[in-house]
C-alpha cells in the first residue's frame, strides 16, 4: 500500500499532466481527466491534511470573541 507521501506525489503528477497536456491520468485504478480535475484537488487537500495529522502538525485555529455587537477576531485586538 502506498504511503500518504507517495499518493500525494501521484496526485500532484496527475494534476500537472492534466493541466499541461490535457490528458487523462490514472491513480489507484481510477482514471481522471480534465472534467474531474477538481476531484484531484480535493484528494490532494485531504492527503495534505492527513500528512499534517500523521506528522504531528495541526492546522492553526484562531479564536473569536463573540459579543452582543457581533464578533471580533481576538488575534487583531
Protein backbone atom coordinates (compact mmCIF):
# COMPACT_ATOMS: atom_id res chain seq x y z
CA UNK A 1 0.00 0.00 0.00
CA UNK A 2 1.30 3.43 -0.94
CA UNK A 3 2.19 5.93 1.75
CA UNK A 4 0.49 9.32 2.02
CA UNK A 5 3.58 10.97 0.56
CA UNK A 6 3.62 8.57 -2.40
CA UNK A 7 -0.09 9.14 -3.05
CA UNK A 8 0.41 12.88 -2.81
CA UNK A 9 3.23 12.69 -5.37
CA UNK A 10 0.99 10.67 -7.73
CA UNK A 11 -1.85 13.17 -7.38
CA UNK A 12 0.44 16.15 -7.99
CA UNK A 13 1.90 14.42 -11.06
CA UNK A 14 -1.60 13.76 -12.34
CA UNK A 15 -2.68 17.36 -11.83
CA UNK A 16 0.41 18.60 -13.65
CA UNK A 17 -0.11 16.21 -16.57
CA UNK A 18 -3.76 17.11 -16.97
CA UNK A 19 -3.14 20.86 -16.71
CA UNK A 20 -0.18 20.90 -19.09
CA UNK A 21 -1.22 18.33 -21.68
CA UNK A 22 -4.95 17.85 -21.17
CA UNK A 23 -4.56 14.10 -20.96
CA UNK A 24 -6.26 11.74 -18.58
CA UNK A 25 -4.39 10.23 -15.66
CA UNK A 26 -4.94 7.05 -13.64
CA UNK A 27 -4.41 6.80 -9.87
CA UNK A 28 -5.29 3.66 -7.90
CA UNK A 29 -7.22 2.26 -10.86
CA UNK A 30 -9.39 5.38 -11.29
CA UNK A 31 -8.94 7.46 -14.44
CA UNK A 32 -9.25 11.23 -14.01
CA UNK A 33 -9.48 13.74 -16.81
CA UNK A 34 -9.82 17.46 -17.17
CA UNK A 35 -13.53 17.20 -16.36
CA UNK A 36 -12.84 15.95 -12.83
CA UNK A 37 -9.66 17.86 -12.12
CA UNK A 38 -11.42 19.33 -9.08
CA UNK A 39 -11.62 15.78 -7.64
CA UNK A 40 -7.82 15.57 -7.80
CA UNK A 41 -7.52 18.88 -5.96
CA UNK A 42 -9.91 17.61 -3.27
CA UNK A 43 -7.90 14.40 -2.89
CA UNK A 44 -4.70 16.45 -2.67
CA UNK A 45 -6.16 18.61 0.13
CA UNK A 46 -7.30 15.51 2.03
CA UNK A 47 -3.85 13.93 1.68
CA UNK A 48 -2.18 17.14 2.88
CA UNK A 49 -4.43 17.18 5.97
CA UNK A 50 -3.69 13.50 6.61
CA UNK A 51 0.03 14.17 6.22
CA UNK A 52 -0.16 17.03 8.72
CA UNK A 53 -2.04 14.87 11.24
CA UNK A 54 0.39 11.96 10.97
CA UNK A 55 3.42 14.24 11.27
CA UNK A 56 2.06 15.90 14.40
CA UNK A 57 1.31 19.22 12.76
CA UNK A 58 -2.07 20.78 13.30
CA UNK A 59 -3.94 23.46 11.43
CA UNK A 60 -3.89 26.86 13.07
CA UNK A 61 -7.07 27.77 14.93
CA UNK A 62 -7.81 31.36 15.73
CA UNK A 63 -10.32 32.10 18.45
CA UNK A 64 -13.15 34.55 18.11
CA UNK A 65 -14.76 36.62 20.82
CA UNK A 66 -18.49 36.64 20.13
CA UNK A 67 -20.04 39.74 21.65
CA UNK A 68 -23.56 41.15 21.58
CA UNK A 69 -22.43 43.63 18.92
CA UNK A 70 -21.10 40.90 16.64
CA UNK A 71 -17.75 39.25 16.82
CA UNK A 72 -14.18 40.38 16.80
CA UNK A 73 -11.07 38.47 15.80
CA UNK A 74 -9.15 38.00 19.03
CA UNK A 75 -5.85 37.95 17.12
CA UNK A 76 -6.25 41.56 15.94
CA UNK A 77 -7.28 43.27 19.19
